């Protein structure tokens, strides 16, 4: 079982712009990774490629949590 710690306050911009994995982003949004793929294809969240791996900005994920998709 993976433990997800609460995000730090917004006063730490380096933490908010941190990149997270697809699995962690899906867990924070309480959706499946497939639903996260659908959000990407609709342009509701941007995915970034680091090497061959997909990553998401924590700030983008938190924006969806706060304001909805």
C-alpha atoms as a PDB file:
ATOM      1  CA  UNK A   1       0.000   0.000   0.000  1.00  0.00           C
ATOM      2  CA  UNK A   2       1.401   3.375  -1.034  1.00  0.00           C
ATOM      3  CA  UNK A   3       1.124   6.256   1.389  1.00  0.00           C
ATOM      4  CA  UNK A   4       0.494   9.666  -0.163  1.00  0.00           C
ATOM      5  CA  UNK A   5       1.478  12.541   2.053  1.00  0.00           C
ATOM      6  CA  UNK A   6      -0.528  15.737   2.023  1.00  0.00           C
ATOM      7  CA  UNK A   7       0.873  18.413  -0.298  1.00  0.00           C
ATOM      8  CA  UNK A   8       2.833  21.197   1.330  1.00  0.00           C
ATOM      9  CA  UNK A   9       1.297  24.680   1.502  1.00  0.00           C
ATOM     10  CA  UNK A  10       1.420  26.739  -1.678  1.00  0.00           C
ATOM     11  CA  UNK A  11       4.126  28.933  -0.166  1.00  0.00           C
ATOM     12  CA  UNK A  12       6.662  26.391  -1.435  1.00  0.00           C
ATOM     13  CA  UNK A  13       6.548  26.791  -5.254  1.00  0.00           C
ATOM     14  CA  UNK A  14       9.209  24.144  -5.784  1.00  0.00           C
ATOM     15  CA  UNK A  15       6.972  21.519  -4.147  1.00  0.00           C
ATOM     16  CA  UNK A  16       3.847  22.558  -6.086  1.00  0.00           C
ATOM     17  CA  UNK A  17       5.646  22.288  -9.453  1.00  0.00           C
ATOM     18  CA  UNK A  18       6.986  18.845  -8.604  1.00  0.00           C
ATOM     19  CA  UNK A  19       6.390  16.107 -11.180  1.00  0.00           C
ATOM     20  CA  UNK A  20       4.447  13.033 -10.101  1.00  0.00           C
ATOM     21  CA  UNK A  21       3.756   9.673 -11.709  1.00  0.00           C
ATOM     22  CA  UNK A  22       0.556   8.750 -13.493  1.00  0.00           C
ATOM     23  CA  UNK A  23      -0.350   6.348 -10.688  1.00  0.00           C
ATOM     24  CA  UNK A  24       0.094   9.019  -8.022  1.00  0.00           C
ATOM     25  CA  UNK A  25      -1.854  11.603 -10.055  1.00  0.00           C
ATOM     26  CA  UNK A  26      -4.706   9.126 -10.539  1.00  0.00           C
ATOM     27  CA  UNK A  27      -4.732   8.331  -6.837  1.00  0.00           C
ATOM     28  CA  UNK A  28      -4.842  12.020  -5.862  1.00  0.00           C
ATOM     29  CA  UNK A  29      -7.774  12.506  -8.255  1.00  0.00           C
ATOM     30  CA  UNK A  30      -9.475   9.284  -7.086  1.00  0.00           C
ATOM     31  CA  UNK A  31      -9.729   8.040 -10.670  1.00  0.00           C
ATOM     32  CA  UNK A  32      -8.229   5.179 -12.656  1.00  0.00           C
ATOM     33  CA  UNK A  33      -5.177   5.682 -14.827  1.00  0.00           C
ATOM     34  CA  UNK A  34      -7.438   5.144 -17.855  1.00  0.00           C
ATOM     35  CA  UNK A  35      -9.681   8.025 -16.753  1.00  0.00           C
ATOM     36  CA  UNK A  36      -6.561  10.149 -16.354  1.00  0.00           C
ATOM     37  CA  UNK A  37      -5.653   9.250 -19.967  1.00  0.00           C
ATOM     38  CA  UNK A  38      -9.112  10.450 -21.020  1.00  0.00           C
ATOM     39  CA  UNK A  39      -8.629  13.752 -19.188  1.00  0.00           C
ATOM     40  CA  UNK A  40      -5.359  14.178 -21.100  1.00  0.00           C
ATOM     41  CA  UNK A  41      -6.956  13.412 -24.461  1.00  0.00           C
ATOM     42  CA  UNK A  42      -9.657  16.027 -23.749  1.00  0.00           C
ATOM     43  CA  UNK A  43      -6.975  18.597 -22.953  1.00  0.00           C
ATOM     44  CA  UNK A  44      -8.041  18.951 -19.319  1.00  0.00           C
ATOM     45  CA  UNK A  45      -4.586  18.128 -17.939  1.00  0.00           C
ATOM     46  CA  UNK A  46      -1.156  18.128 -19.557  1.00  0.00           C
ATOM     47  CA  UNK A  47       1.142  15.145 -19.425  1.00  0.00           C
ATOM     48  CA  UNK A  48       4.886  15.471 -19.701  1.00  0.00           C
ATOM     49  CA  UNK A  49       7.368  12.903 -20.899  1.00  0.00           C
ATOM     50  CA  UNK A  50      10.577  12.367 -18.952  1.00  0.00           C
ATOM     51  CA  UNK A  51      12.598   9.870 -20.912  1.00  0.00           C
ATOM     52  CA  UNK A  52       9.923   7.336 -21.775  1.00  0.00           C
ATOM     53  CA  UNK A  53       7.859   7.934 -18.632  1.00  0.00           C
ATOM     54  CA  UNK A  54       4.716  10.030 -18.273  1.00  0.00           C
ATOM     55  CA  UNK A  55       4.639  12.599 -15.476  1.00  0.00           C
ATOM     56  CA  UNK A  56       2.154  15.232 -14.310  1.00  0.00           C
ATOM     57  CA  UNK A  57       2.655  18.557 -12.554  1.00  0.00           C
ATOM     58  CA  UNK A  58       1.387  18.398  -8.993  1.00  0.00           C
ATOM     59  CA  UNK A  59       0.011  21.928  -9.415  1.00  0.00           C
ATOM     60  CA  UNK A  60      -2.143  20.783 -12.379  1.00  0.00           C
ATOM     61  CA  UNK A  61      -3.515  17.839 -10.407  1.00  0.00           C
ATOM     62  CA  UNK A  62      -4.272  20.013  -7.372  1.00  0.00           C
ATOM     63  CA  UNK A  63      -5.999  22.524  -9.653  1.00  0.00           C
ATOM     64  CA  UNK A  64      -8.398  19.818 -10.821  1.00  0.00           C
ATOM     65  CA  UNK A  65      -8.972  18.721  -7.223  1.00  0.00           C
ATOM     66  CA  UNK A  66      -9.819  22.284  -6.190  1.00  0.00           C
ATOM     67  CA  UNK A  67     -11.717  23.502  -9.249  1.00  0.00           C
ATOM     68  CA  UNK A  68     -12.891  20.340 -11.011  1.00  0.00           C
ATOM     69  CA  UNK A  69     -12.202  19.179 -14.536  1.00  0.00           C
END
